[in-house]
N, C-alpha and C. Protein backbone atom coordinates (compact mmCIF):
# COMPACT_ATOMS: atom_id res chain seq x y z
N UNK A 1 -19.45 1.25 -9.17
CA UNK A 1 -18.69 0.12 -8.35
C UNK A 1 -18.07 0.77 -7.08
N UNK A 2 -18.23 0.05 -6.14
CA UNK A 2 -17.66 0.59 -4.87
C UNK A 2 -16.53 -0.49 -4.22
N UNK A 3 -15.50 0.41 -4.48
CA UNK A 3 -14.11 -0.37 -4.04
C UNK A 3 -13.36 0.48 -2.96
N UNK A 4 -12.98 -0.33 -2.05
CA UNK A 4 -12.30 0.54 -0.87
C UNK A 4 -10.95 -0.07 -0.84
N UNK A 5 -9.86 0.41 -1.50
CA UNK A 5 -8.67 -0.11 -1.49
C UNK A 5 -7.79 0.04 0.00
N UNK A 6 -8.57 0.86 0.63
CA UNK A 6 -7.77 0.96 2.22
C UNK A 6 -8.05 -0.26 2.95
N UNK A 7 -8.96 -1.10 2.57
CA UNK A 7 -8.96 -2.47 3.25
C UNK A 7 -7.81 -3.36 2.80
N UNK A 8 -7.43 -3.04 1.52
CA UNK A 8 -6.22 -3.97 1.17
C UNK A 8 -4.89 -3.39 1.62
N UNK A 9 -4.82 -2.05 1.84
CA UNK A 9 -3.53 -1.29 2.31
C UNK A 9 -3.52 -1.78 3.97
N UNK A 10 -4.58 -1.70 4.53
CA UNK A 10 -4.52 -1.89 5.96
C UNK A 10 -4.24 -3.24 6.24
N UNK A 11 -4.69 -4.21 5.33
CA UNK A 11 -4.40 -5.63 5.58
C UNK A 11 -2.98 -6.07 5.48
N UNK A 12 -2.31 -5.46 4.43
CA UNK A 12 -0.85 -5.74 4.14
C UNK A 12 0.05 -4.91 5.04
N UNK A 13 -0.43 -3.54 5.61
CA UNK A 13 0.34 -2.96 6.42
C UNK A 13 0.51 -3.69 7.72
N UNK A 14 -0.64 -4.35 8.15
CA UNK A 14 -0.66 -4.93 9.39
C UNK A 14 0.37 -6.18 9.21
N UNK A 15 0.18 -7.00 8.24
CA UNK A 15 1.20 -8.03 8.05
C UNK A 15 2.43 -7.65 8.03
N UNK A 16 2.81 -6.47 7.34
CA UNK A 16 4.22 -6.31 7.15
C UNK A 16 4.69 -5.82 8.68
N UNK A 17 3.90 -5.17 9.56
CA UNK A 17 4.38 -5.03 10.77
C UNK A 17 4.55 -6.10 11.66
N UNK A 18 3.76 -7.21 11.60
CA UNK A 18 3.90 -8.39 12.21
C UNK A 18 5.00 -9.29 11.88
N UNK A 19 5.20 -9.42 10.53
CA UNK A 19 6.03 -10.50 10.09
C UNK A 19 7.31 -10.04 9.25
N UNK A 20 7.14 -8.58 8.98
CA UNK A 20 8.46 -8.05 8.19
C UNK A 20 8.59 -8.53 6.70
N UNK A 21 8.92 -9.71 6.38
CA UNK A 21 9.20 -10.06 4.88
C UNK A 21 8.84 -11.37 4.91
N UNK A 22 8.62 -12.03 3.73
CA UNK A 22 8.45 -13.28 3.33
C UNK A 22 6.82 -13.56 3.37
N UNK A 23 6.53 -14.96 3.24
CA UNK A 23 5.22 -15.22 2.81
C UNK A 23 4.10 -14.89 3.82
N UNK A 24 4.30 -15.00 5.19
CA UNK A 24 3.35 -14.25 5.98
C UNK A 24 3.04 -12.78 5.98
N UNK A 25 4.09 -12.28 5.42
CA UNK A 25 4.05 -10.66 5.26
C UNK A 25 2.78 -10.39 4.07
N UNK A 26 2.81 -11.35 3.18
CA UNK A 26 1.61 -11.09 2.06
C UNK A 26 0.36 -12.05 2.28
N UNK A 27 0.27 -12.64 3.39
CA UNK A 27 -1.03 -13.07 3.80
C UNK A 27 -1.15 -14.55 3.46
N UNK A 28 -0.16 -15.29 2.91
CA UNK A 28 -0.19 -16.66 2.87
C UNK A 28 -0.16 -17.54 4.01
N UNK A 29 -0.65 -18.80 3.92
CA UNK A 29 -0.54 -19.68 4.95
C UNK A 29 0.82 -20.51 5.23
N UNK A 30 1.37 -20.50 4.08
CA UNK A 30 2.68 -21.20 4.25
C UNK A 30 3.66 -20.96 3.08
N UNK A 31 4.93 -21.18 3.01
CA UNK A 31 5.59 -20.93 1.81
C UNK A 31 5.36 -21.85 0.84
N UNK A 32 5.00 -23.12 1.17
CA UNK A 32 4.73 -24.23 0.34
C UNK A 32 3.72 -23.90 -0.79
N UNK A 33 2.55 -23.37 0.08
CA UNK A 33 1.29 -22.99 -1.05
C UNK A 33 1.68 -21.81 -1.64
N UNK A 34 2.45 -21.02 -1.40
CA UNK A 34 2.67 -19.73 -2.12
C UNK A 34 3.53 -20.23 -3.28
N UNK A 35 4.54 -20.97 -2.95
CA UNK A 35 5.42 -21.57 -4.04
C UNK A 35 4.48 -22.54 -4.89
N UNK A 36 3.77 -23.25 -4.47
CA UNK A 36 2.88 -23.91 -5.49
C UNK A 36 2.05 -23.15 -6.43
N UNK A 37 1.55 -22.18 -5.88
CA UNK A 37 0.72 -21.20 -6.83
C UNK A 37 1.76 -20.39 -7.77
N UNK A 38 3.15 -20.11 -7.39
CA UNK A 38 3.79 -19.58 -8.32
C UNK A 38 4.38 -20.66 -9.55
N UNK A 39 4.51 -21.82 -8.94
CA UNK A 39 4.74 -22.83 -10.01
C UNK A 39 3.66 -23.02 -11.08
N UNK A 40 2.45 -22.85 -10.70
CA UNK A 40 1.26 -23.08 -11.66
C UNK A 40 1.26 -21.78 -12.69
N UNK A 41 1.56 -20.60 -11.88
CA UNK A 41 1.61 -19.30 -12.79
C UNK A 41 2.66 -19.37 -13.79
N UNK A 42 3.86 -20.02 -13.43
CA UNK A 42 5.17 -20.17 -14.27
C UNK A 42 4.91 -21.13 -15.39
N UNK A 43 3.86 -22.01 -15.12
CA UNK A 43 3.67 -23.09 -16.20
C UNK A 43 2.91 -22.37 -17.28
N UNK A 44 2.54 -21.16 -17.31
CA UNK A 44 1.45 -20.60 -18.58
C UNK A 44 2.42 -20.76 -19.77
N UNK A 45 3.58 -20.65 -19.67
CA UNK A 45 4.34 -20.58 -21.10
C UNK A 45 5.95 -20.54 -20.58
N UNK A 46 7.00 -20.42 -21.74
CA UNK A 46 8.30 -20.39 -21.44
C UNK A 46 8.56 -18.85 -21.01
N UNK A 47 8.78 -18.63 -19.67
CA UNK A 47 8.96 -17.38 -19.25
C UNK A 47 10.44 -16.82 -19.32
N UNK A 48 11.49 -17.75 -19.72
CA UNK A 48 12.86 -17.38 -19.69
C UNK A 48 13.06 -16.29 -20.71
N UNK A 49 13.69 -15.26 -20.47
CA UNK A 49 13.97 -14.05 -21.27
C UNK A 49 12.97 -13.27 -21.75
N UNK A 50 11.53 -13.46 -21.16
CA UNK A 50 10.45 -12.84 -21.58
C UNK A 50 10.37 -11.57 -20.63
N UNK A 51 9.57 -10.63 -20.96
CA UNK A 51 9.07 -9.38 -20.21
C UNK A 51 7.97 -9.77 -19.57
N UNK A 52 8.11 -9.80 -18.10
CA UNK A 52 6.96 -10.35 -17.25
C UNK A 52 6.62 -9.19 -16.32
N UNK A 53 5.26 -9.00 -16.27
CA UNK A 53 4.69 -7.98 -15.20
C UNK A 53 3.96 -8.71 -14.20
N UNK A 54 4.19 -8.58 -12.96
CA UNK A 54 3.64 -9.03 -11.87
C UNK A 54 2.71 -8.02 -11.12
N UNK A 55 1.57 -8.40 -11.30
CA UNK A 55 0.57 -7.27 -10.83
C UNK A 55 0.12 -7.69 -9.43
N UNK A 56 0.40 -6.79 -8.43
CA UNK A 56 0.22 -6.87 -6.90
C UNK A 56 1.42 -7.78 -6.55
N UNK A 57 2.61 -7.28 -6.78
CA UNK A 57 4.03 -8.00 -6.55
C UNK A 57 4.32 -8.30 -5.19
N UNK A 58 3.59 -7.32 -4.27
CA UNK A 58 4.06 -7.49 -2.89
C UNK A 58 5.59 -7.25 -2.62
N UNK A 59 6.23 -8.22 -2.03
CA UNK A 59 7.60 -8.09 -1.73
C UNK A 59 8.54 -8.63 -2.88
N UNK A 60 8.07 -8.97 -3.94
CA UNK A 60 8.91 -9.55 -5.06
C UNK A 60 9.14 -11.03 -4.90
N UNK A 61 8.35 -11.79 -4.19
CA UNK A 61 8.63 -13.11 -3.97
C UNK A 61 8.41 -14.06 -5.16
N UNK A 62 7.76 -13.58 -6.31
CA UNK A 62 7.60 -14.38 -7.50
C UNK A 62 8.77 -14.22 -8.23
N UNK A 63 9.46 -13.01 -8.10
CA UNK A 63 10.75 -12.73 -8.92
C UNK A 63 11.79 -13.66 -8.27
N UNK A 64 11.91 -13.62 -6.87
CA UNK A 64 12.74 -14.42 -6.09
C UNK A 64 12.66 -15.82 -6.61
N UNK A 65 11.27 -16.51 -6.60
CA UNK A 65 11.04 -17.64 -6.99
C UNK A 65 11.71 -18.10 -8.36
N UNK A 66 11.40 -17.29 -9.31
CA UNK A 66 11.92 -17.53 -10.67
C UNK A 66 13.41 -17.54 -10.61
N UNK A 67 14.09 -16.47 -9.89
CA UNK A 67 15.60 -16.57 -10.00
C UNK A 67 16.11 -17.78 -9.46
N UNK A 68 15.50 -18.40 -8.26
CA UNK A 68 16.10 -19.62 -7.53
C UNK A 68 15.98 -20.80 -8.60
N UNK A 69 15.01 -20.68 -9.53
CA UNK A 69 14.91 -21.71 -10.44
C UNK A 69 15.70 -21.44 -11.83
N UNK A 70 16.54 -20.43 -11.82
CA UNK A 70 17.46 -20.26 -12.92
C UNK A 70 16.49 -19.59 -14.27
N UNK A 71 15.35 -19.20 -13.93
CA UNK A 71 14.41 -18.53 -15.10
C UNK A 71 14.73 -17.09 -14.99
N UNK A 72 15.52 -16.66 -16.03
CA UNK A 72 15.98 -15.30 -16.09
C UNK A 72 14.87 -14.49 -16.83
N UNK A 73 14.16 -13.46 -16.19
CA UNK A 73 13.21 -12.61 -16.86
C UNK A 73 13.54 -11.17 -16.82
N UNK A 74 12.88 -10.55 -17.76
CA UNK A 74 12.82 -8.95 -17.64
C UNK A 74 11.71 -8.53 -16.86
N UNK A 75 11.88 -8.37 -15.61
CA UNK A 75 10.70 -8.38 -14.46
C UNK A 75 10.40 -6.92 -14.14
N UNK A 76 9.10 -6.75 -14.07
CA UNK A 76 8.59 -5.56 -13.57
C UNK A 76 7.45 -5.91 -12.50
N UNK A 77 7.35 -5.10 -11.48
CA UNK A 77 6.32 -5.53 -10.38
C UNK A 77 5.49 -4.22 -10.18
N UNK A 78 4.14 -4.43 -10.10
CA UNK A 78 3.41 -3.26 -9.57
C UNK A 78 2.59 -3.72 -8.34
N UNK A 79 2.72 -2.75 -7.47
CA UNK A 79 2.02 -2.86 -5.89
C UNK A 79 1.43 -1.60 -5.64
N UNK A 80 0.18 -1.84 -4.98
CA UNK A 80 -0.38 -0.52 -4.44
C UNK A 80 0.31 0.04 -3.38
N UNK A 81 0.85 -0.55 -2.52
CA UNK A 81 1.68 0.01 -1.21
C UNK A 81 3.13 0.47 -1.50
N UNK A 82 3.54 1.79 -1.17
CA UNK A 82 4.81 2.19 -1.45
C UNK A 82 5.60 1.61 -0.50
N UNK A 83 5.19 0.99 0.66
CA UNK A 83 6.15 0.22 1.68
C UNK A 83 6.58 -1.14 1.05
N UNK A 84 5.58 -1.72 0.34
CA UNK A 84 5.99 -3.09 -0.32
C UNK A 84 6.92 -2.75 -1.44
N UNK A 85 6.87 -1.89 -2.12
CA UNK A 85 7.51 -1.46 -3.25
C UNK A 85 9.01 -1.27 -2.89
N UNK A 86 9.12 -0.42 -1.80
CA UNK A 86 10.37 -0.04 -1.20
C UNK A 86 11.26 -1.23 -0.72
N UNK A 87 10.50 -2.23 -0.09
CA UNK A 87 11.21 -3.17 0.35
C UNK A 87 11.43 -4.43 -0.61
N UNK A 88 10.55 -4.32 -1.69
CA UNK A 88 10.92 -5.18 -2.84
C UNK A 88 12.25 -4.78 -3.59
N UNK A 89 12.30 -3.48 -3.72
CA UNK A 89 13.47 -2.83 -4.37
C UNK A 89 14.63 -3.13 -3.55
N UNK A 90 14.65 -3.06 -2.30
CA UNK A 90 15.90 -3.50 -1.48
C UNK A 90 16.22 -5.09 -1.62
N UNK A 91 15.31 -5.83 -1.73
CA UNK A 91 15.58 -7.26 -1.70
C UNK A 91 16.01 -7.53 -3.04
N UNK A 92 15.49 -6.90 -4.14
CA UNK A 92 15.97 -7.39 -5.41
C UNK A 92 16.15 -6.02 -6.20
N UNK A 93 17.39 -5.58 -6.10
CA UNK A 93 17.73 -4.23 -6.84
C UNK A 93 17.83 -4.31 -8.37
N UNK A 94 17.97 -5.49 -8.76
CA UNK A 94 18.13 -5.93 -10.17
C UNK A 94 16.88 -5.90 -11.06
N UNK A 95 15.56 -6.04 -10.25
CA UNK A 95 14.49 -5.77 -10.76
C UNK A 95 13.87 -4.46 -10.75
N UNK A 96 12.64 -4.26 -11.49
CA UNK A 96 11.92 -3.01 -11.30
C UNK A 96 10.73 -3.19 -10.58
N UNK A 97 10.45 -2.13 -9.69
CA UNK A 97 9.15 -2.40 -8.82
C UNK A 97 8.55 -0.81 -8.94
N UNK A 98 7.34 -0.72 -9.21
CA UNK A 98 6.66 0.47 -9.37
C UNK A 98 5.39 0.48 -8.35
N UNK A 99 5.09 1.52 -8.06
CA UNK A 99 3.69 1.82 -7.10
C UNK A 99 2.58 2.03 -8.16
N UNK A 100 1.75 1.14 -8.19
CA UNK A 100 0.54 1.28 -9.28
C UNK A 100 -0.53 0.66 -8.62
N UNK A 101 -1.81 1.23 -8.58
CA UNK A 101 -3.29 0.64 -8.27
C UNK A 101 -3.73 0.15 -9.43
N UNK A 102 -3.61 -1.48 -9.47
CA UNK A 102 -4.17 -2.04 -10.65
C UNK A 102 -5.60 -1.67 -10.94
N UNK A 103 -6.50 -1.38 -9.93
CA UNK A 103 -7.82 -1.07 -10.19
C UNK A 103 -8.04 0.33 -10.92
N UNK A 104 -6.87 1.14 -11.11
CA UNK A 104 -7.05 2.44 -11.62
C UNK A 104 -6.41 2.08 -13.04
N UNK A 105 -6.06 0.97 -13.47
CA UNK A 105 -5.53 0.75 -14.79
C UNK A 105 -4.09 0.35 -14.82
N UNK A 106 -3.51 -0.38 -15.63
CA UNK A 106 -2.20 -0.80 -15.74
C UNK A 106 -1.38 0.09 -16.89
N UNK A 107 -1.84 1.06 -17.31
CA UNK A 107 -1.02 1.91 -18.27
C UNK A 107 -0.72 1.38 -19.74
N UNK A 108 0.09 2.01 -20.46
CA UNK A 108 0.24 1.67 -21.95
C UNK A 108 1.42 0.69 -22.17
N UNK A 109 2.30 0.43 -21.23
CA UNK A 109 3.34 -0.58 -21.36
C UNK A 109 2.83 -1.88 -21.65
N UNK A 110 3.70 -2.77 -22.51
CA UNK A 110 3.12 -3.98 -22.86
C UNK A 110 4.24 -4.86 -22.45
N UNK A 111 3.82 -6.26 -22.02
CA UNK A 111 4.64 -7.10 -21.54
C UNK A 111 4.49 -8.69 -22.20
N UNK A 112 5.22 -9.47 -22.53
CA UNK A 112 5.03 -10.81 -22.92
C UNK A 112 3.85 -11.57 -22.00
N UNK A 113 4.29 -11.59 -20.67
CA UNK A 113 3.54 -12.31 -19.75
C UNK A 113 2.90 -11.45 -18.78
N UNK A 114 1.62 -11.49 -18.26
CA UNK A 114 1.17 -10.66 -17.26
C UNK A 114 0.78 -11.61 -16.00
N UNK A 115 1.19 -11.72 -14.91
CA UNK A 115 1.00 -12.73 -13.96
C UNK A 115 0.43 -12.09 -12.55
N UNK A 116 -0.17 -12.75 -11.80
CA UNK A 116 -0.59 -12.22 -10.50
C UNK A 116 -1.10 -13.32 -9.65
N UNK A 117 -0.51 -13.23 -8.48
CA UNK A 117 -0.92 -14.29 -7.43
C UNK A 117 -1.45 -13.68 -6.11
N UNK A 118 -2.81 -14.02 -5.96
CA UNK A 118 -3.27 -13.53 -4.63
C UNK A 118 -3.85 -12.11 -4.48
N UNK A 119 -3.50 -11.17 -5.66
CA UNK A 119 -3.63 -9.87 -5.52
C UNK A 119 -5.13 -9.35 -5.14
N UNK A 120 -5.97 -10.15 -5.65
CA UNK A 120 -7.42 -9.67 -5.57
C UNK A 120 -8.15 -10.69 -4.66
N UNK A 121 -7.52 -11.36 -3.57
CA UNK A 121 -8.21 -12.07 -2.76
C UNK A 121 -8.46 -11.37 -1.29
N UNK A 122 -8.14 -10.17 -1.33
CA UNK A 122 -8.72 -9.27 -0.07
C UNK A 122 -10.22 -8.88 -0.51
N UNK A 123 -11.06 -8.94 0.51
CA UNK A 123 -12.49 -8.50 0.32
C UNK A 123 -12.30 -6.70 0.34
N UNK A 124 -12.20 -6.24 -0.73
CA UNK A 124 -12.34 -4.74 -0.92
C UNK A 124 -13.57 -4.08 -1.34
N UNK A 125 -14.71 -4.89 -1.56
CA UNK A 125 -15.87 -4.33 -2.01
C UNK A 125 -16.01 -4.48 -3.54
N UNK A 126 -17.11 -5.17 -3.80
CA UNK A 126 -17.48 -5.41 -5.38
C UNK A 126 -16.35 -5.89 -6.16
N UNK A 127 -15.81 -6.89 -5.57
CA UNK A 127 -14.56 -7.64 -6.02
C UNK A 127 -14.97 -8.10 -7.52
N UNK A 128 -15.96 -8.77 -7.76
CA UNK A 128 -16.40 -9.40 -9.00
C UNK A 128 -16.17 -8.41 -10.10
N UNK A 129 -16.88 -7.29 -9.99
CA UNK A 129 -16.87 -6.31 -11.07
C UNK A 129 -15.40 -5.57 -11.17
N UNK A 130 -14.71 -5.37 -10.26
CA UNK A 130 -13.53 -4.73 -10.35
C UNK A 130 -12.58 -5.84 -11.05
N UNK A 131 -12.63 -7.11 -10.67
CA UNK A 131 -11.69 -8.14 -11.15
C UNK A 131 -11.97 -8.31 -12.74
N UNK A 132 -13.27 -8.23 -13.20
CA UNK A 132 -13.62 -8.36 -14.36
C UNK A 132 -12.74 -7.28 -15.26
N UNK A 133 -12.89 -6.00 -14.65
CA UNK A 133 -12.19 -4.88 -15.37
C UNK A 133 -10.61 -5.15 -15.41
N UNK A 134 -10.18 -5.69 -14.43
CA UNK A 134 -8.78 -5.83 -14.17
C UNK A 134 -8.32 -7.03 -15.35
N UNK A 135 -9.05 -8.02 -15.40
CA UNK A 135 -8.63 -9.19 -16.39
C UNK A 135 -8.62 -8.64 -17.66
N UNK A 136 -9.46 -7.71 -18.14
CA UNK A 136 -9.42 -6.91 -19.42
C UNK A 136 -8.08 -6.31 -19.66
N UNK A 137 -7.76 -5.34 -18.37
CA UNK A 137 -6.64 -4.65 -18.36
C UNK A 137 -5.27 -5.51 -18.58
N UNK A 138 -5.29 -6.62 -17.91
CA UNK A 138 -4.17 -7.47 -17.99
C UNK A 138 -4.05 -8.19 -19.29
N UNK A 139 -5.11 -8.55 -19.89
CA UNK A 139 -4.98 -9.14 -21.04
C UNK A 139 -4.58 -7.99 -22.34
N UNK A 140 -5.08 -6.89 -22.03
CA UNK A 140 -4.64 -5.97 -22.91
C UNK A 140 -3.16 -5.54 -22.92
N UNK A 141 -2.65 -5.74 -21.67
CA UNK A 141 -1.13 -5.53 -21.44
C UNK A 141 -0.28 -6.66 -21.94
N UNK A 142 -0.86 -7.75 -22.32
CA UNK A 142 0.07 -9.01 -22.60
C UNK A 142 0.33 -9.19 -24.10
N UNK A 143 1.39 -9.58 -24.51
CA UNK A 143 1.53 -9.98 -25.98
C UNK A 143 1.43 -11.45 -26.20
N UNK A 144 1.57 -12.27 -25.02
CA UNK A 144 1.49 -13.70 -25.16
C UNK A 144 0.34 -14.24 -24.22
N UNK A 145 0.46 -14.02 -23.02
CA UNK A 145 -0.50 -14.60 -21.98
C UNK A 145 -0.64 -14.03 -20.67
N UNK A 146 -1.76 -14.05 -20.08
CA UNK A 146 -2.10 -13.96 -18.69
C UNK A 146 -2.03 -15.00 -17.83
N UNK A 147 -1.45 -15.10 -16.61
CA UNK A 147 -1.77 -16.19 -15.49
C UNK A 147 -2.28 -15.52 -14.22
N UNK A 148 -3.36 -15.92 -13.61
CA UNK A 148 -4.01 -15.22 -12.31
C UNK A 148 -4.79 -16.37 -11.63
N UNK A 149 -4.43 -16.22 -10.19
CA UNK A 149 -5.07 -17.20 -9.37
C UNK A 149 -6.07 -16.30 -8.53
N UNK A 150 -7.04 -17.16 -8.01
CA UNK A 150 -8.17 -16.77 -7.04
C UNK A 150 -8.36 -17.78 -5.94
N UNK A 151 -9.16 -17.40 -5.02
CA UNK A 151 -9.61 -18.28 -3.87
C UNK A 151 -11.10 -18.63 -4.21
N UNK A 152 -11.61 -19.79 -3.93
CA UNK A 152 -12.92 -20.12 -4.13
C UNK A 152 -13.50 -21.09 -2.99
N UNK A 153 -13.68 -20.74 -1.84
CA UNK A 153 -14.28 -21.48 -0.79
C UNK A 153 -15.63 -20.87 -0.53
N UNK A 154 -16.40 -21.86 -0.23
CA UNK A 154 -17.86 -21.44 0.03
C UNK A 154 -18.03 -20.66 1.36
N UNK A 155 -17.39 -21.20 2.37
CA UNK A 155 -17.46 -20.58 3.69
C UNK A 155 -16.24 -19.88 4.03
N UNK A 156 -16.12 -18.61 4.09
CA UNK A 156 -15.01 -17.95 4.56
C UNK A 156 -14.47 -18.21 5.79
N UNK A 157 -13.23 -18.54 5.87
CA UNK A 157 -12.48 -18.61 7.32
C UNK A 157 -11.91 -17.38 7.75
N UNK A 158 -11.87 -16.25 6.83
CA UNK A 158 -11.25 -14.97 7.25
C UNK A 158 -12.13 -13.91 6.60
N UNK A 159 -12.79 -12.86 7.39
CA UNK A 159 -13.61 -11.99 6.80
C UNK A 159 -12.93 -11.03 5.97
N UNK A 160 -11.46 -10.98 6.20
CA UNK A 160 -10.64 -10.05 5.29
C UNK A 160 -10.65 -10.54 4.05
N UNK A 161 -10.81 -11.84 3.68
CA UNK A 161 -10.39 -12.40 2.40
C UNK A 161 -11.77 -12.64 1.60
N UNK A 162 -11.68 -12.78 0.17
CA UNK A 162 -12.83 -12.76 -0.52
C UNK A 162 -12.70 -14.24 -1.42
N UNK A 163 -13.76 -15.21 -0.77
CA UNK A 163 -13.63 -16.52 -1.40
C UNK A 163 -14.84 -16.86 -2.33
N UNK A 164 -15.40 -15.75 -2.94
CA UNK A 164 -16.57 -16.08 -3.52
C UNK A 164 -16.34 -16.20 -5.12
N UNK A 165 -15.17 -16.22 -5.56
CA UNK A 165 -14.76 -16.28 -7.00
C UNK A 165 -15.33 -17.55 -7.55
N UNK A 166 -16.01 -17.62 -8.54
CA UNK A 166 -16.57 -18.86 -9.18
C UNK A 166 -15.67 -19.05 -10.39
N UNK A 167 -14.88 -20.40 -10.37
CA UNK A 167 -14.06 -20.60 -11.47
C UNK A 167 -14.78 -20.72 -13.00
N UNK A 168 -16.01 -21.38 -12.81
CA UNK A 168 -16.68 -21.63 -14.33
C UNK A 168 -17.09 -20.08 -14.66
N UNK A 169 -17.60 -19.33 -13.73
CA UNK A 169 -18.10 -17.88 -14.23
C UNK A 169 -17.04 -17.03 -14.75
N UNK A 170 -15.83 -17.08 -14.04
CA UNK A 170 -14.79 -16.18 -14.39
C UNK A 170 -14.28 -16.91 -15.84
N UNK A 171 -14.22 -18.02 -15.90
CA UNK A 171 -13.80 -18.65 -17.19
C UNK A 171 -14.79 -18.23 -18.31
N UNK A 172 -16.00 -18.33 -18.11
CA UNK A 172 -16.94 -17.96 -19.29
C UNK A 172 -16.91 -16.14 -19.30
N UNK A 173 -16.77 -15.73 -18.43
CA UNK A 173 -16.34 -14.15 -18.63
C UNK A 173 -15.22 -13.88 -19.45
N UNK A 174 -14.12 -14.60 -19.40
CA UNK A 174 -12.69 -14.44 -19.97
C UNK A 174 -13.03 -14.72 -21.44
N UNK A 175 -13.88 -15.82 -21.63
CA UNK A 175 -14.18 -16.38 -23.08
C UNK A 175 -14.72 -15.37 -23.85
N UNK A 176 -15.32 -14.23 -23.23
CA UNK A 176 -16.13 -13.18 -24.03
C UNK A 176 -15.10 -12.32 -24.71
N UNK A 177 -13.87 -12.21 -24.32
CA UNK A 177 -12.88 -11.34 -24.97
C UNK A 177 -11.69 -12.08 -25.22
N UNK A 178 -11.28 -13.22 -24.81
CA UNK A 178 -10.10 -13.96 -25.06
C UNK A 178 -10.32 -15.30 -25.83
N UNK A 179 -9.69 -15.39 -26.98
CA UNK A 179 -9.98 -16.78 -27.81
C UNK A 179 -9.67 -17.92 -27.04
N UNK A 180 -8.51 -18.02 -26.36
CA UNK A 180 -8.23 -19.27 -25.55
C UNK A 180 -8.12 -19.00 -24.19
N UNK A 181 -8.80 -19.70 -23.48
CA UNK A 181 -8.62 -19.48 -21.96
C UNK A 181 -8.53 -21.02 -21.33
N UNK A 182 -7.72 -21.14 -20.40
CA UNK A 182 -7.62 -22.48 -19.70
C UNK A 182 -7.81 -22.31 -18.18
N UNK A 183 -8.61 -23.07 -17.80
CA UNK A 183 -8.83 -23.04 -16.23
C UNK A 183 -8.04 -24.41 -15.56
N UNK A 184 -7.26 -24.15 -14.61
CA UNK A 184 -6.57 -25.13 -13.73
C UNK A 184 -7.29 -25.08 -12.31
N UNK A 185 -7.46 -26.38 -11.89
CA UNK A 185 -8.13 -26.56 -10.39
C UNK A 185 -7.31 -27.63 -9.84
N UNK A 186 -6.24 -27.99 -10.30
CA UNK A 186 -5.57 -29.39 -10.09
C UNK A 186 -4.49 -29.24 -9.10
N UNK A 187 -4.21 -28.20 -8.31
CA UNK A 187 -2.96 -28.07 -7.45
C UNK A 187 -3.34 -27.79 -6.07
N UNK A 188 -4.14 -27.05 -5.56
CA UNK A 188 -4.72 -26.95 -4.20
C UNK A 188 -6.09 -26.91 -3.97
N UNK A 189 -6.57 -27.27 -2.89
CA UNK A 189 -8.10 -27.04 -2.67
C UNK A 189 -8.47 -25.69 -2.63
N UNK A 190 -9.54 -25.31 -3.14
CA UNK A 190 -10.20 -23.97 -2.86
C UNK A 190 -9.47 -22.83 -3.55
N UNK A 191 -8.64 -23.20 -4.63
CA UNK A 191 -7.88 -22.31 -5.51
C UNK A 191 -7.91 -22.50 -6.80
N UNK A 192 -7.84 -21.60 -7.68
CA UNK A 192 -7.95 -21.89 -9.20
C UNK A 192 -7.06 -20.77 -9.90
N UNK A 193 -6.58 -21.08 -11.11
CA UNK A 193 -5.87 -20.38 -12.03
C UNK A 193 -6.45 -20.47 -13.38
N UNK A 194 -6.31 -19.15 -13.91
CA UNK A 194 -6.90 -18.96 -15.24
C UNK A 194 -5.57 -18.53 -16.09
N UNK A 195 -5.37 -19.26 -17.23
CA UNK A 195 -4.59 -18.82 -18.28
C UNK A 195 -5.29 -18.10 -19.36
N UNK A 196 -4.98 -17.03 -19.82
CA UNK A 196 -5.65 -16.30 -21.08
C UNK A 196 -4.44 -16.10 -21.99
N UNK A 197 -4.59 -16.76 -23.30
CA UNK A 197 -3.66 -16.76 -24.33
C UNK A 197 -4.08 -15.83 -25.43
N UNK A 198 -2.99 -15.35 -25.83
CA UNK A 198 -3.35 -14.46 -27.19
C UNK A 198 -3.36 -15.45 -28.26
N UNK A 199 -4.33 -15.25 -29.33
CA UNK A 199 -4.48 -16.20 -30.63
C UNK A 199 -3.30 -16.53 -31.11
N UNK A 200 -2.99 -17.74 -31.28
CA UNK A 200 -1.70 -17.99 -32.23
C UNK A 200 -0.59 -18.37 -31.35
N UNK A 201 -0.82 -18.41 -29.91
CA UNK A 201 0.25 -18.71 -28.92
C UNK A 201 0.45 -20.16 -28.83
N UNK A 202 1.77 -20.81 -29.17
CA UNK A 202 1.80 -22.27 -29.29
C UNK A 202 1.35 -22.90 -28.02
N UNK A 203 1.35 -22.09 -26.88
CA UNK A 203 1.50 -22.79 -25.49
C UNK A 203 -0.29 -22.82 -25.01
N UNK A 204 -0.94 -22.29 -25.89
CA UNK A 204 -2.43 -22.20 -25.58
C UNK A 204 -3.06 -23.50 -25.37
């Protein structure tokens, strides 16, 4: 598997230099689309008081979104870039942010919910195989559910992004190791979210 995480680091370092903080710094087109994706992730189950891991947390915007809506969680964010983690810690000192490359594994710690928004939409080489491995890692880390979103546009608008995720193919792949998987395509064009539930979870 050929993966070049330098592409990811370079993409976000450039955006940090250009935009500082907020949705532009993490590569989204608008705050509205960023928050729409967050709302769909948060609908995976009752997050209040749960232990939540945010994979590819960026500047901690998902944590900020949950706080604004009064959803109190025990939050941990992992991100590849130390610069992102440093800024996230300054913005939200009450949360926990750690430098971690998800493609190298997520460790032994367990969380109720494992969420990820846009973390694997950069074209870093061999995206599909890498994401298959990360999906298994995320599921292994959760005790209740995983929620993760992807881009799916046939013709790329930006060479830095990866638009070739197939919703049905990833759904079928997740069903090989997860008993309950739900696909959502009802919120934004060219975007989809997968929910992977532990067997017996009432919200599956």
